[in-house]
Amino acid sequence: MSSGYVLIDVEPGSEYGVFEQASALPFVSDAQVLFGDHDMILKIEAESMGEIARLVVESVRSIKGVTNTKTLACAEL
């Protein structure tokens, strides 16, 4: 099992809608709204980092209001 965190920037005023949609995705195990450089963070769990990348591109980035994402891969030691 692989894990990653996705930092998300959204259009002003769309935070609540993006949070509701993103946190409901079945592969998201945690979602938090942030203050600071990014608007929210998601923890994603999947079978591989390739799967995480696919989920971010196909599901997270397609949410209306998302303007930018940055995915951080967790090290598998």
N, C-alpha and C. Protein backbone atom coordinates (compact mmCIF):
# COMPACT_ATOMS: atom_id res chain seq x y z
N MET A 1 0.85 -1.17 0.00
CA MET A 1 0.00 0.00 0.00
C MET A 1 0.89 1.24 0.00
N SER A 2 0.57 2.20 -0.85
CA SER A 2 1.31 3.46 -0.95
C SER A 2 0.44 4.59 -0.42
N SER A 3 1.10 5.61 0.10
CA SER A 3 0.41 6.80 0.60
C SER A 3 1.05 8.04 0.02
N GLY A 4 0.24 9.06 -0.13
CA GLY A 4 0.73 10.34 -0.60
C GLY A 4 -0.16 11.45 -0.06
N TYR A 5 0.39 12.63 -0.02
CA TYR A 5 -0.37 13.81 0.40
C TYR A 5 -0.48 14.74 -0.79
N VAL A 6 -1.65 15.34 -0.96
CA VAL A 6 -1.86 16.25 -2.07
C VAL A 6 -2.22 17.61 -1.51
N LEU A 7 -1.38 18.61 -1.79
CA LEU A 7 -1.66 20.00 -1.44
C LEU A 7 -2.49 20.59 -2.57
N ILE A 8 -3.57 21.26 -2.22
CA ILE A 8 -4.51 21.75 -3.23
C ILE A 8 -4.72 23.25 -3.07
N ASP A 9 -4.70 23.95 -4.21
CA ASP A 9 -5.08 25.36 -4.27
C ASP A 9 -6.42 25.42 -4.99
N VAL A 10 -7.30 26.31 -4.52
CA VAL A 10 -8.63 26.41 -5.13
C VAL A 10 -8.97 27.86 -5.43
N GLU A 11 -9.97 28.04 -6.28
CA GLU A 11 -10.47 29.38 -6.57
C GLU A 11 -11.09 29.97 -5.31
N PRO A 12 -10.89 31.25 -5.07
CA PRO A 12 -11.50 31.88 -3.89
C PRO A 12 -13.01 31.66 -3.85
N GLY A 13 -13.50 31.27 -2.70
CA GLY A 13 -14.92 31.04 -2.51
C GLY A 13 -15.38 29.63 -2.80
N SER A 14 -14.49 28.79 -3.33
CA SER A 14 -14.89 27.42 -3.67
C SER A 14 -14.35 26.39 -2.67
N GLU A 15 -13.79 26.86 -1.58
CA GLU A 15 -13.17 25.95 -0.61
C GLU A 15 -14.13 24.88 -0.09
N TYR A 16 -15.32 25.30 0.30
CA TYR A 16 -16.26 24.35 0.90
C TYR A 16 -16.67 23.28 -0.11
N GLY A 17 -17.02 23.68 -1.33
CA GLY A 17 -17.44 22.72 -2.35
C GLY A 17 -16.35 21.75 -2.72
N VAL A 18 -15.13 22.25 -2.89
CA VAL A 18 -14.00 21.38 -3.23
C VAL A 18 -13.73 20.42 -2.08
N PHE A 19 -13.77 20.92 -0.85
CA PHE A 19 -13.53 20.06 0.31
C PHE A 19 -14.57 18.95 0.39
N GLU A 20 -15.83 19.27 0.19
CA GLU A 20 -16.90 18.27 0.25
C GLU A 20 -16.69 17.17 -0.80
N GLN A 21 -16.36 17.57 -2.03
CA GLN A 21 -16.17 16.58 -3.09
C GLN A 21 -14.91 15.76 -2.88
N ALA A 22 -13.81 16.42 -2.53
CA ALA A 22 -12.53 15.73 -2.37
C ALA A 22 -12.57 14.76 -1.19
N SER A 23 -13.12 15.18 -0.08
CA SER A 23 -13.14 14.32 1.11
C SER A 23 -14.05 13.11 0.93
N ALA A 24 -14.98 13.16 -0.03
CA ALA A 24 -15.89 12.05 -0.28
C ALA A 24 -15.30 11.00 -1.23
N LEU A 25 -14.17 11.29 -1.84
CA LEU A 25 -13.54 10.33 -2.74
C LEU A 25 -13.12 9.08 -1.95
N PRO A 26 -13.36 7.88 -2.47
CA PRO A 26 -13.13 6.66 -1.69
C PRO A 26 -11.68 6.39 -1.33
N PHE A 27 -10.74 6.95 -2.06
CA PHE A 27 -9.32 6.71 -1.80
C PHE A 27 -8.71 7.76 -0.88
N VAL A 28 -9.48 8.75 -0.45
CA VAL A 28 -9.00 9.80 0.45
C VAL A 28 -9.25 9.35 1.88
N SER A 29 -8.18 9.21 2.66
CA SER A 29 -8.32 8.75 4.04
C SER A 29 -8.36 9.90 5.04
N ASP A 30 -7.96 11.10 4.62
CA ASP A 30 -8.04 12.28 5.49
C ASP A 30 -8.04 13.52 4.61
N ALA A 31 -8.77 14.53 5.02
CA ALA A 31 -8.83 15.80 4.29
C ALA A 31 -8.94 16.93 5.30
N GLN A 32 -8.16 17.97 5.09
CA GLN A 32 -8.14 19.12 6.00
C GLN A 32 -8.06 20.41 5.20
N VAL A 33 -8.80 21.43 5.65
CA VAL A 33 -8.67 22.77 5.09
C VAL A 33 -7.50 23.43 5.79
N LEU A 34 -6.70 24.18 5.04
CA LEU A 34 -5.49 24.80 5.57
C LEU A 34 -5.55 26.32 5.50
N PHE A 35 -4.77 26.97 6.34
CA PHE A 35 -4.48 28.39 6.23
C PHE A 35 -3.01 28.48 5.85
N GLY A 36 -2.68 29.33 4.90
CA GLY A 36 -1.28 29.47 4.50
C GLY A 36 -1.12 29.39 3.01
N ASP A 37 -0.04 28.75 2.57
CA ASP A 37 0.31 28.72 1.16
C ASP A 37 -0.65 27.88 0.30
N HIS A 38 -1.32 26.90 0.90
CA HIS A 38 -2.25 26.04 0.17
C HIS A 38 -3.58 26.04 0.90
N ASP A 39 -4.64 25.64 0.18
CA ASP A 39 -5.98 25.72 0.74
C ASP A 39 -6.44 24.44 1.44
N MET A 40 -5.94 23.29 0.99
CA MET A 40 -6.29 22.05 1.67
C MET A 40 -5.26 20.97 1.38
N ILE A 41 -5.36 19.91 2.17
CA ILE A 41 -4.46 18.77 2.02
C ILE A 41 -5.29 17.50 2.11
N LEU A 42 -4.96 16.54 1.24
CA LEU A 42 -5.60 15.23 1.25
C LEU A 42 -4.55 14.17 1.50
N LYS A 43 -4.91 13.14 2.23
CA LYS A 43 -4.08 11.94 2.31
C LYS A 43 -4.74 10.90 1.45
N ILE A 44 -3.96 10.36 0.50
CA ILE A 44 -4.47 9.37 -0.45
C ILE A 44 -3.73 8.05 -0.23
N GLU A 45 -4.49 6.96 -0.26
CA GLU A 45 -3.90 5.63 -0.15
C GLU A 45 -4.34 4.80 -1.35
N ALA A 46 -3.38 4.10 -1.96
CA ALA A 46 -3.66 3.26 -3.12
C ALA A 46 -2.60 2.17 -3.20
N GLU A 47 -2.74 1.29 -4.17
CA GLU A 47 -1.83 0.15 -4.31
C GLU A 47 -0.41 0.55 -4.70
N SER A 48 -0.25 1.66 -5.42
CA SER A 48 1.07 2.08 -5.89
C SER A 48 1.11 3.59 -6.07
N MET A 49 2.32 4.13 -6.22
CA MET A 49 2.45 5.56 -6.49
C MET A 49 1.88 5.89 -7.86
N GLY A 50 1.99 4.98 -8.81
CA GLY A 50 1.40 5.19 -10.12
C GLY A 50 -0.11 5.34 -10.04
N GLU A 51 -0.72 4.54 -9.19
CA GLU A 51 -2.17 4.63 -8.98
C GLU A 51 -2.54 5.95 -8.32
N ILE A 52 -1.74 6.39 -7.36
CA ILE A 52 -1.98 7.68 -6.73
C ILE A 52 -1.91 8.80 -7.76
N ALA A 53 -0.90 8.76 -8.60
CA ALA A 53 -0.76 9.78 -9.65
C ALA A 53 -1.99 9.78 -10.55
N ARG A 54 -2.45 8.62 -10.95
CA ARG A 54 -3.63 8.52 -11.81
C ARG A 54 -4.87 9.08 -11.12
N LEU A 55 -5.05 8.76 -9.85
CA LEU A 55 -6.21 9.25 -9.10
C LEU A 55 -6.19 10.77 -8.97
N VAL A 56 -5.01 11.33 -8.73
CA VAL A 56 -4.91 12.79 -8.62
C VAL A 56 -5.29 13.44 -9.95
N VAL A 57 -4.71 12.95 -11.03
CA VAL A 57 -4.98 13.55 -12.35
C VAL A 57 -6.44 13.37 -12.75
N GLU A 58 -6.98 12.17 -12.60
CA GLU A 58 -8.32 11.89 -13.09
C GLU A 58 -9.44 12.35 -12.15
N SER A 59 -9.20 12.33 -10.85
CA SER A 59 -10.29 12.62 -9.91
C SER A 59 -10.14 13.95 -9.16
N VAL A 60 -8.98 14.20 -8.61
CA VAL A 60 -8.81 15.41 -7.80
C VAL A 60 -8.73 16.65 -8.68
N ARG A 61 -7.89 16.63 -9.70
CA ARG A 61 -7.74 17.80 -10.56
C ARG A 61 -8.99 18.13 -11.35
N SER A 62 -9.89 17.18 -11.50
CA SER A 62 -11.11 17.43 -12.27
C SER A 62 -12.22 18.07 -11.43
N ILE A 63 -12.02 18.23 -10.14
CA ILE A 63 -13.02 18.88 -9.29
C ILE A 63 -13.08 20.36 -9.65
N LYS A 64 -14.28 20.84 -9.91
CA LYS A 64 -14.46 22.26 -10.27
C LYS A 64 -13.99 23.14 -9.11
N GLY A 65 -13.11 24.09 -9.42
CA GLY A 65 -12.57 24.99 -8.42
C GLY A 65 -11.12 24.72 -8.08
N VAL A 66 -10.62 23.52 -8.39
CA VAL A 66 -9.22 23.20 -8.13
C VAL A 66 -8.36 23.91 -9.18
N THR A 67 -7.37 24.68 -8.71
CA THR A 67 -6.51 25.41 -9.64
C THR A 67 -5.11 24.84 -9.73
N ASN A 68 -4.66 24.15 -8.68
CA ASN A 68 -3.30 23.61 -8.68
C ASN A 68 -3.21 22.50 -7.64
N THR A 69 -2.37 21.50 -7.92
CA THR A 69 -2.10 20.44 -6.94
C THR A 69 -0.61 20.18 -6.88
N LYS A 70 -0.16 19.72 -5.73
CA LYS A 70 1.22 19.27 -5.55
C LYS A 70 1.14 17.97 -4.76
N THR A 71 1.64 16.88 -5.35
CA THR A 71 1.58 15.58 -4.70
C THR A 71 2.91 15.25 -4.06
N LEU A 72 2.86 14.85 -2.80
CA LEU A 72 4.04 14.46 -2.04
C LEU A 72 3.95 12.96 -1.77
N ALA A 73 4.90 12.21 -2.26
CA ALA A 73 4.91 10.76 -2.09
C ALA A 73 5.55 10.40 -0.75
N CYS A 74 4.92 9.50 -0.02
CA CYS A 74 5.50 9.02 1.23
C CYS A 74 6.55 7.97 0.91
N ALA A 75 7.66 8.02 1.63
CA ALA A 75 8.74 7.07 1.43
C ALA A 75 8.32 5.70 1.94
N GLU A 76 8.66 4.68 1.17
CA GLU A 76 8.38 3.31 1.58
C GLU A 76 9.70 2.67 1.98
N LEU A 77 9.99 2.68 3.29
CA LEU A 77 11.26 2.17 3.80
C LEU A 77 11.15 0.72 4.20
